Amino acid sequence: MSGPLAGRQMLLGVTGGIAAYKAAYLARRLREHGGTVQVVMTPAATRFIGPDTFAALTGRPVHSDVFEHTEAVLHVRLAHQADVAIVAPATANLLAKLAHGLADDLLTSTLLEFTGPVVIAPAMHIGMWSAPATRHNLETLRERGVRLVGPDEGPLAAGDEGTGRMADPDEIVRAVEEAIGEGGDLAGRHVVVTAGPTHEPIDVVRYLGNRSSGKMGFAVAAEAAARGARVTLVTGPTSLPDPPAVHVERVETAEQMRAAVLAATESADAVVKAAAVADFRPKEAVPGKIKKDAGVPDVLLEPTPDILRELGERKGSRVLVGFAAETGDLDAAGRRKLAPRPRGRERGGRRRNRLRGRHEPGPVDRRRRHERAAADVDEGRAGRGDLRSAGQAAAPLMLAGVTTRG
């Protein structure tokens, strides 16, 4: 399932109020939207609804004891794994603890450690909701960026009516979607990212490819999505799972990647070309399997479409980012690739080469030994190292002319 919640890790806190039973339906709805739901209950919440109910609905164990799994420092692990935190229902007691930074149980300890978007659905009696202390705590939480949903008016416990009912679970789901989408500096933007290698078929079994893992592009896509962008990831063959909240299109060849990228770019604000697109492909792929007994085959190569150059020609106001993979003289080689080149130069400078167990490079082949890329940025170098950090480092390049971090 695609959507803002698809693939998201969601922490659902449940506190001790009569509305706790509604949290079971909320957990189900969150999971139906494609998210993974981890429930944390206060001890009082377990008096209203059993942990086994949430375990069955989410497919995950429910936690309620801060001293559970002390070797893993549970509240830290839960906080770091979550993309968004939801508390429903949230009692007046929970609001007071959060407003004053108290952490005396697993839920409040986890929430104090958590640094992402928080959605709270208060539920309590009308007198507690109207109390000056509660109003002050609510204002404090709003100032800190907490998103409040409800409460609604209607029948309350003890036979009273008024404001204090927990908001409808579907309304809470919408608030969670908005919190994830609006929480980043790329909210409202469409970012297209390419990743991975391309495989150009020699026959039905063999292909020309490269060693690209796709991890760089996947990290960039995940980072852009986490910052609120609508992300389209066009990837060549990889074994990587789809990043959370990212629309993924899987292709094989350079021609297929070109078609997918050009179609996605029509509505894009930024394009990040992190794919290692093959420079050459066999002019004709053998329809069957080439037999070894026939000897070393002659494979005539031809250029693949230059996707990045084509994007540059129709760039418009978009931000266009590319990566240069080189083995030496990185800055100079990268800057040379920023310079425009005549369309005919490549074909005129390249002699026809045949692959007979080895590749004989012509003048242009030597210059294009590694995957070519260009960029609308002055500087930037992508190398080995921590791939998530690399994706985060590349993200600011996407922001030039799109938005700025607040």
Protein backbone atom coordinates (compact mmCIF):
# COMPACT_ATOMS: atom_id res chain seq x y z
CA MET A 1 0.00 0.00 0.00
CA SER A 2 1.24 3.48 -0.83
CA GLY A 3 0.52 6.62 1.18
CA PRO A 4 2.08 8.77 3.88
CA LEU A 5 1.91 5.98 6.46
CA ALA A 6 3.13 3.13 4.26
CA GLY A 7 6.23 1.60 5.80
CA ARG A 8 6.24 4.01 8.75
CA GLN A 9 7.14 2.89 12.24
CA MET A 10 4.42 4.22 14.54
CA LEU A 11 4.50 4.26 18.32
CA LEU A 12 0.99 4.11 19.80
CA GLY A 13 0.76 5.02 23.47
CA VAL A 14 -2.40 4.02 25.33
CA THR A 15 -3.22 5.49 28.74
CA GLY A 16 -5.74 4.56 31.39
CA GLY A 17 -9.07 6.01 30.30
CA ILE A 18 -12.43 4.55 29.37
CA ALA A 19 -11.69 5.41 25.72
CA ALA A 20 -8.81 2.92 25.69
CA TYR A 21 -11.02 0.45 23.85
CA LYS A 22 -11.11 2.84 20.86
CA ALA A 23 -7.34 2.62 20.62
CA ALA A 24 -7.73 -0.97 19.42
CA TYR A 25 -9.61 0.22 16.34
CA LEU A 26 -7.07 2.99 15.85
CA ALA A 27 -4.23 0.44 15.88
CA ARG A 28 -6.07 -1.57 13.25
CA ARG A 29 -6.64 1.48 11.04
CA LEU A 30 -3.01 2.57 11.28
CA ARG A 31 -1.90 -0.88 10.22
CA GLU A 32 -4.41 -0.91 7.36
CA HIS A 33 -2.70 2.24 6.08
CA GLY A 34 0.54 0.29 5.72
CA GLY A 35 2.33 1.23 8.92
CA THR A 36 3.99 -0.87 11.58
CA VAL A 37 2.37 -0.20 14.97
CA GLN A 38 4.18 -0.65 18.27
CA VAL A 39 1.89 -0.28 21.26
CA VAL A 40 3.12 0.94 24.64
CA MET A 41 0.59 0.92 27.48
CA THR A 42 0.61 2.54 30.88
CA PRO A 43 -0.14 0.16 33.77
CA ALA A 44 -3.51 1.88 34.21
CA ALA A 45 -4.39 1.26 30.55
CA THR A 46 -4.12 -2.50 31.08
CA ARG A 47 -7.02 -2.21 33.55
CA PHE A 48 -9.31 -1.08 30.71
CA ILE A 49 -8.13 -3.29 27.82
CA GLY A 50 -5.77 -6.25 27.66
CA PRO A 51 -2.36 -6.11 25.98
CA ASP A 52 -3.20 -9.32 24.08
CA THR A 53 -5.83 -7.41 22.09
CA PHE A 54 -3.22 -5.01 20.73
CA ALA A 55 -0.70 -7.81 20.18
CA ALA A 56 -3.23 -9.64 18.01
CA LEU A 57 -4.12 -6.51 16.04
CA THR A 58 -0.56 -5.31 15.44
CA GLY A 59 1.32 -8.57 15.26
CA ARG A 60 3.86 -7.21 17.73
CA PRO A 61 4.44 -7.64 21.47
CA VAL A 62 3.02 -4.92 23.70
CA HIS A 63 5.27 -3.20 26.25
CA SER A 64 4.24 -1.56 29.51
CA ASP A 65 7.13 -1.98 31.96
CA VAL A 66 10.10 0.38 31.90
CA PHE A 67 12.24 -2.39 33.42
CA GLU A 68 11.38 -4.81 30.64
CA HIS A 69 14.43 -5.73 28.52
CA THR A 70 16.76 -3.59 30.56
CA GLU A 71 19.73 -4.90 28.57
CA ALA A 72 18.27 -3.18 25.46
CA VAL A 73 17.30 0.09 27.25
CA LEU A 74 13.79 -0.38 25.92
CA HIS A 75 12.53 3.20 26.05
CA VAL A 76 15.52 4.41 24.02
CA ARG A 77 15.15 1.67 21.43
CA LEU A 78 11.43 2.30 21.03
CA ALA A 79 11.95 6.05 20.66
CA HIS A 80 14.69 5.69 18.07
CA GLN A 81 12.75 3.19 15.97
CA ALA A 82 9.60 5.31 15.66
CA ASP A 83 8.84 7.77 12.86
CA VAL A 84 5.84 9.23 14.67
CA ALA A 85 4.37 8.93 18.18
CA ILE A 86 0.63 8.85 18.91
CA VAL A 87 -1.05 8.86 22.30
CA ALA A 88 -4.71 7.89 22.25
CA PRO A 89 -6.40 8.25 24.58
CA ALA A 90 -4.27 10.77 26.45
CA THR A 91 -5.44 11.43 30.00
CA ALA A 92 -5.03 14.67 31.91
CA ASN A 93 -2.30 12.91 33.87
CA LEU A 94 -0.37 12.11 30.69
CA LEU A 95 -0.69 15.70 29.45
CA ALA A 96 0.66 17.02 32.74
CA LYS A 97 3.63 14.66 32.68
CA LEU A 98 4.57 15.55 29.13
CA ALA A 99 4.22 19.29 29.76
CA HIS A 100 6.54 19.08 32.75
CA GLY A 101 9.00 16.57 31.32
CA LEU A 102 8.23 13.77 33.77
CA ALA A 103 9.30 10.24 32.84
CA ASP A 104 8.12 7.81 35.50
CA ASP A 105 6.88 4.94 33.30
CA LEU A 106 7.75 3.34 29.97
CA LEU A 107 5.44 5.52 27.88
CA THR A 108 6.52 8.89 29.27
CA SER A 109 10.19 7.83 29.23
CA THR A 110 9.87 6.87 25.57
CA LEU A 111 8.06 10.09 24.65
CA LEU A 112 10.66 12.22 26.41
CA GLU A 113 13.40 10.48 24.42
CA PHE A 114 11.48 10.73 21.13
CA THR A 115 12.34 13.65 18.82
CA GLY A 116 9.88 13.21 15.94
CA PRO A 117 6.28 14.39 15.38
CA VAL A 118 3.82 13.70 18.21
CA VAL A 119 0.04 13.41 17.86
CA ILE A 120 -2.10 13.39 21.01
CA ALA A 121 -5.80 12.64 21.29
CA PRO A 122 -6.95 13.80 24.76
CA ALA A 123 -9.89 12.09 26.45
CA MET A 124 -11.17 12.90 29.93
CA HIS A 125 -14.16 14.21 31.84
CA ILE A 126 -15.31 17.75 31.00
CA GLY A 127 -14.23 19.14 34.38
CA MET A 128 -10.68 17.85 33.93
CA TRP A 129 -10.58 19.16 30.36
CA SER A 130 -11.69 22.61 31.48
CA ALA A 131 -9.34 22.82 34.46
CA PRO A 132 -6.85 25.74 34.27
CA ALA A 133 -3.93 23.36 34.85
CA THR A 134 -4.95 21.23 31.88
CA ARG A 135 -5.41 24.28 29.68
CA HIS A 136 -1.95 25.49 30.61
CA ASN A 137 -0.43 22.08 29.89
CA LEU A 138 -2.14 21.95 26.51
CA GLU A 139 -0.78 25.35 25.57
CA THR A 140 2.71 24.26 26.59
CA LEU A 141 2.49 21.18 24.38
CA ARG A 142 1.16 23.17 21.43
CA GLU A 143 4.08 25.58 21.71
CA ARG A 144 6.42 22.59 21.49
CA GLY A 145 4.82 21.46 18.24
CA VAL A 146 2.62 18.67 19.55
CA ARG A 147 -0.42 18.11 17.31
CA LEU A 148 -3.67 17.81 19.33
CA VAL A 149 -6.73 16.03 17.94
CA GLY A 150 -10.04 16.51 19.73
CA PRO A 151 -11.58 15.93 22.11
CA ASP A 152 -15.15 15.75 20.76
CA GLU A 153 -18.44 16.54 22.42
CA GLY A 154 -20.89 13.86 23.48
CA PRO A 155 -21.81 11.47 26.27
CA LEU A 156 -19.11 10.99 28.89
CA ALA A 157 -18.59 8.59 31.75
CA ALA A 158 -20.75 9.04 34.84
CA GLY A 159 -23.71 10.04 32.65
CA ASP A 160 -22.53 13.55 31.81
CA GLU A 161 -22.26 15.19 28.41
CA GLY A 162 -19.77 17.70 27.09
CA THR A 163 -16.31 18.01 25.61
CA GLY A 164 -13.98 15.17 26.50
CA ARG A 165 -14.62 12.22 24.16
CA MET A 166 -11.63 10.88 22.27
CA ALA A 167 -11.61 11.91 18.61
CA ASP A 168 -12.72 9.42 16.00
CA PRO A 169 -9.86 7.05 15.10
CA ASP A 170 -10.08 7.97 11.41
CA GLU A 171 -9.64 11.63 12.34
CA ILE A 172 -6.55 10.67 14.33
CA VAL A 173 -5.20 8.75 11.34
CA ARG A 174 -5.58 11.86 9.17
CA ALA A 175 -3.76 13.92 11.79
CA VAL A 176 -0.91 11.41 11.81
CA GLU A 177 -0.66 11.64 8.01
CA GLU A 178 -0.53 15.42 8.22
CA ALA A 179 2.06 15.35 11.01
CA ILE A 180 4.35 13.17 8.92
CA GLY A 181 3.81 15.16 5.72
CA GLU A 182 4.01 18.62 7.22
CA GLY A 183 6.78 17.92 9.66
CA GLY A 184 9.55 18.32 7.08
CA ASP A 185 11.07 21.12 5.07
CA LEU A 186 10.26 19.31 1.80
CA ALA A 187 6.53 19.09 2.47
CA GLY A 188 4.49 19.68 -0.67
CA ARG A 189 7.44 18.94 -2.99
CA HIS A 190 7.86 16.07 -5.43
CA VAL A 191 11.35 14.59 -5.57
CA VAL A 192 12.41 11.99 -8.14
CA VAL A 193 15.43 9.84 -7.26
CA THR A 194 17.20 7.20 -9.33
CA ALA A 195 19.26 4.39 -7.87
CA GLY A 196 21.07 1.18 -8.64
CA PRO A 197 22.65 -0.21 -11.79
CA THR A 198 21.10 -1.02 -15.13
CA HIS A 199 21.39 -4.43 -16.75
CA GLU A 200 21.77 -4.42 -20.52
CA PRO A 201 21.03 -7.90 -21.92
CA ILE A 202 23.58 -9.75 -24.03
CA ASP A 203 21.28 -12.77 -24.28
CA VAL A 204 18.44 -14.12 -22.14
CA VAL A 205 20.92 -15.09 -19.39
CA ARG A 206 23.83 -12.65 -19.52
CA TYR A 207 23.96 -8.88 -19.26
CA LEU A 208 26.34 -5.93 -19.01
CA GLY A 209 26.10 -4.30 -15.60
CA ASN A 210 28.11 -2.71 -12.82
CA ARG A 211 28.69 -3.03 -9.11
CA SER A 212 26.21 -0.37 -7.95
CA SER A 213 24.25 -1.52 -4.89
CA GLY A 214 21.64 1.25 -5.06
CA LYS A 215 22.18 2.16 -1.42
CA MET A 216 23.06 5.78 -2.12
CA GLY A 217 19.85 6.47 -4.04
CA PHE A 218 17.73 4.59 -1.55
CA ALA A 219 19.23 6.62 1.30
CA VAL A 220 18.50 9.88 -0.53
CA ALA A 221 14.91 8.78 -1.23
CA ALA A 222 14.34 7.80 2.39
CA GLU A 223 15.78 11.09 3.62
CA ALA A 224 13.59 13.14 1.26
CA ALA A 225 10.48 11.22 2.34
CA ALA A 226 11.34 11.67 6.00
CA ARG A 227 11.49 15.42 5.36
CA GLY A 228 7.96 15.45 3.97
CA ALA A 229 8.48 15.15 0.22
CA ARG A 230 6.43 13.01 -2.12
CA VAL A 231 9.14 10.75 -3.50
CA THR A 232 9.33 8.65 -6.64
CA LEU A 233 12.28 6.25 -6.66
CA VAL A 234 13.21 4.71 -10.02
CA THR A 235 15.66 1.91 -9.38
CA GLY A 236 17.54 -0.63 -11.39
CA PRO A 237 17.95 -4.22 -10.17
CA THR A 238 18.75 -4.30 -6.44
CA SER A 239 17.88 -6.49 -3.48
CA LEU A 240 17.02 -3.52 -1.26
CA PRO A 241 13.53 -3.24 0.26
CA ASP A 242 11.33 -0.26 -0.63
CA PRO A 243 12.04 2.76 1.61
CA PRO A 244 9.15 3.87 3.84
CA ALA A 245 6.56 6.16 2.24
CA VAL A 246 8.31 6.11 -1.14
CA HIS A 247 6.72 5.18 -4.47
CA VAL A 248 9.15 2.74 -6.10
CA GLU A 249 9.35 1.87 -9.79
CA ARG A 250 11.71 -1.00 -10.59
CA VAL A 251 13.30 -1.18 -14.02
CA GLU A 252 16.10 -3.14 -15.65
CA THR A 253 17.60 -1.34 -18.63
CA ALA A 254 18.74 2.23 -19.31
CA GLU A 255 15.91 2.68 -21.81
CA GLN A 256 13.33 1.59 -19.23
CA MET A 257 14.86 3.94 -16.66
CA ARG A 258 14.75 6.80 -19.14
CA ALA A 259 11.04 6.28 -19.80
CA ALA A 260 10.18 6.04 -16.10
CA VAL A 261 12.29 9.07 -15.12
CA LEU A 262 10.98 11.33 -17.87
CA ALA A 263 7.39 10.46 -16.98
CA ALA A 264 7.95 11.07 -13.26
CA THR A 265 9.87 14.30 -13.85
CA GLU A 266 6.89 16.07 -15.42
CA SER A 267 5.58 16.95 -11.92
CA ALA A 268 8.92 16.99 -10.08
CA ASP A 269 10.46 19.87 -8.17
CA ALA A 270 13.83 18.12 -7.92
CA VAL A 271 15.56 15.16 -9.54
CA VAL A 272 18.48 13.36 -7.95
CA LYS A 273 20.29 11.04 -10.38
CA ALA A 274 22.17 8.62 -8.16
CA ALA A 275 21.77 5.61 -10.49
CA ALA A 276 24.78 4.08 -12.20
CA VAL A 277 23.27 3.90 -15.68
CA ALA A 278 25.29 1.83 -18.14
CA ASP A 279 27.12 3.87 -20.77
CA PHE A 280 26.88 1.12 -23.37
CA ARG A 281 24.64 -1.78 -24.31
CA PRO A 282 24.81 -4.59 -26.85
CA LYS A 283 23.41 -3.34 -30.13
CA GLU A 284 21.42 -6.55 -30.49
CA ALA A 285 20.55 -8.94 -27.68
CA VAL A 286 20.59 -12.61 -28.66
CA PRO A 287 17.07 -14.02 -28.23
CA GLY A 288 18.34 -17.30 -26.75
CA LYS A 289 21.41 -18.27 -24.74
CA ILE A 290 24.82 -17.96 -26.35
CA LYS A 291 26.46 -21.37 -26.23
CA LYS A 292 29.99 -21.62 -24.88
CA ASP A 293 30.88 -24.22 -27.50
CA ALA A 294 30.43 -21.58 -30.22
CA GLY A 295 33.48 -19.71 -28.94
CA VAL A 296 33.95 -16.15 -27.67
CA PRO A 297 31.14 -14.06 -29.16
CA ASP A 298 31.45 -10.74 -30.94
CA VAL A 299 29.32 -8.20 -29.05
CA LEU A 300 28.84 -4.89 -30.82
CA LEU A 301 28.18 -2.07 -28.36
CA GLU A 302 26.24 1.15 -28.81
CA PRO A 303 25.65 4.11 -26.45
CA THR A 304 22.72 4.06 -24.07
CA PRO A 305 20.51 7.16 -23.80
CA ASP A 306 22.08 9.94 -21.75
CA ILE A 307 19.25 10.50 -19.28
CA LEU A 308 20.96 13.19 -17.26
CA ARG A 309 21.83 15.29 -20.29
CA GLU A 310 18.25 14.97 -21.55
CA LEU A 311 16.94 16.10 -18.19
CA GLY A 312 19.33 19.06 -18.28
CA GLU A 313 17.95 20.14 -21.63
CA ARG A 314 14.40 20.22 -20.26
CA LYS A 315 15.31 21.24 -16.73
CA GLY A 316 13.21 24.39 -16.41
CA SER A 317 13.04 25.57 -12.80
CA ARG A 318 13.71 22.13 -11.32
CA VAL A 319 16.69 21.32 -9.16
CA LEU A 320 18.78 18.68 -10.91
CA VAL A 321 21.50 16.81 -9.00
CA GLY A 322 23.90 14.20 -10.30
CA PHE A 323 26.82 12.18 -8.99
CA ALA A 324 30.21 11.68 -10.62
CA ALA A 325 31.90 8.34 -9.93
CA GLU A 326 35.63 8.62 -10.59
CA THR A 327 38.82 6.89 -9.48
CA GLY A 328 41.14 9.89 -9.60
CA ASP A 329 41.25 13.69 -9.89
CA LEU A 330 37.70 13.78 -8.56
CA ASP A 331 37.00 17.51 -8.49
CA ALA A 332 38.41 18.26 -11.93
CA ALA A 333 36.70 15.28 -13.52
CA GLY A 334 33.39 16.16 -11.91
CA ARG A 335 33.57 19.77 -13.05
CA ARG A 336 34.38 18.75 -16.63
CA LYS A 337 31.13 16.85 -16.69
CA LEU A 338 29.22 19.99 -15.84
CA ALA A 339 30.25 21.61 -19.11
CA PRO A 340 27.77 21.27 -22.01
CA ARG A 341 28.89 19.07 -24.86
CA PRO A 342 27.66 18.98 -28.47
CA ARG A 343 25.32 16.12 -29.25
CA GLY A 344 27.41 14.85 -32.16
CA ARG A 345 30.69 14.78 -30.31
CA GLU A 346 30.12 11.46 -28.65
CA ARG A 347 29.22 9.54 -31.75
CA GLY A 348 31.92 11.19 -33.85
CA GLY A 349 34.65 10.55 -31.31
CA ARG A 350 33.85 6.92 -30.73
CA ARG A 351 35.03 4.12 -32.91
CA ARG A 352 33.08 0.91 -33.27
CA ASN A 353 34.41 -1.57 -30.73
CA ARG A 354 33.75 -5.22 -30.46
CA LEU A 355 33.87 -7.11 -27.20
CA ARG A 356 35.97 -10.22 -27.66
CA GLY A 357 36.66 -11.26 -24.12
CA ARG A 358 38.11 -7.79 -23.46
CA HIS A 359 37.14 -4.20 -24.23
CA GLU A 360 39.30 -2.01 -26.47
CA PRO A 361 38.60 1.60 -25.47
CA GLY A 362 38.48 4.43 -28.00
CA PRO A 363 39.15 8.09 -27.10
CA VAL A 364 35.67 8.73 -25.77
CA ASP A 365 35.56 5.41 -23.96
CA ARG A 366 38.60 6.39 -21.94
CA ARG A 367 37.05 9.70 -20.99
CA ARG A 368 33.82 7.93 -20.00
CA ARG A 369 35.41 5.02 -18.23
CA HIS A 370 33.13 5.41 -15.25
CA GLU A 371 29.47 6.29 -15.04
CA ARG A 372 28.95 9.91 -16.16
CA ALA A 373 26.91 12.33 -14.11
CA ALA A 374 26.35 16.06 -14.01
CA ALA A 375 24.88 18.40 -11.44
CA ASP A 376 23.37 21.85 -11.05
CA VAL A 377 25.55 22.38 -8.02
CA ASP A 378 29.01 23.80 -7.67
CA GLU A 379 30.43 21.18 -5.41
CA GLY A 380 29.66 17.81 -3.92
CA ARG A 381 31.40 14.51 -3.73
CA ALA A 382 29.84 11.13 -3.03
CA GLY A 383 32.17 8.43 -1.81
CA ARG A 384 32.22 5.39 0.38
CA GLY A 385 31.33 5.46 4.03
CA ASP A 386 28.13 5.56 5.99
CA LEU A 387 25.38 5.39 3.38
CA ARG A 388 22.65 7.00 5.46
CA SER A 389 24.97 9.89 6.19
CA ALA A 390 25.69 10.11 2.47
CA GLY A 391 21.99 10.35 1.74
CA GLN A 392 21.54 13.03 4.37
CA ALA A 393 24.55 14.89 2.99
CA ALA A 394 23.06 14.81 -0.50
CA ALA A 395 19.68 16.09 0.64
CA PRO A 396 20.79 19.73 1.03
CA LEU A 397 21.79 19.69 -2.64
CA MET A 398 18.19 18.91 -3.50
CA LEU A 399 16.99 21.87 -1.48
CA ALA A 400 18.71 24.54 -3.54
CA GLY A 401 15.83 26.43 -5.13
CA VAL A 402 13.24 24.11 -3.60
CA THR A 403 13.11 25.00 0.08
CA THR A 404 15.33 25.61 3.07
CA ARG A 405 15.51 23.96 6.42
CA GLY A 406 13.64 25.92 9.08
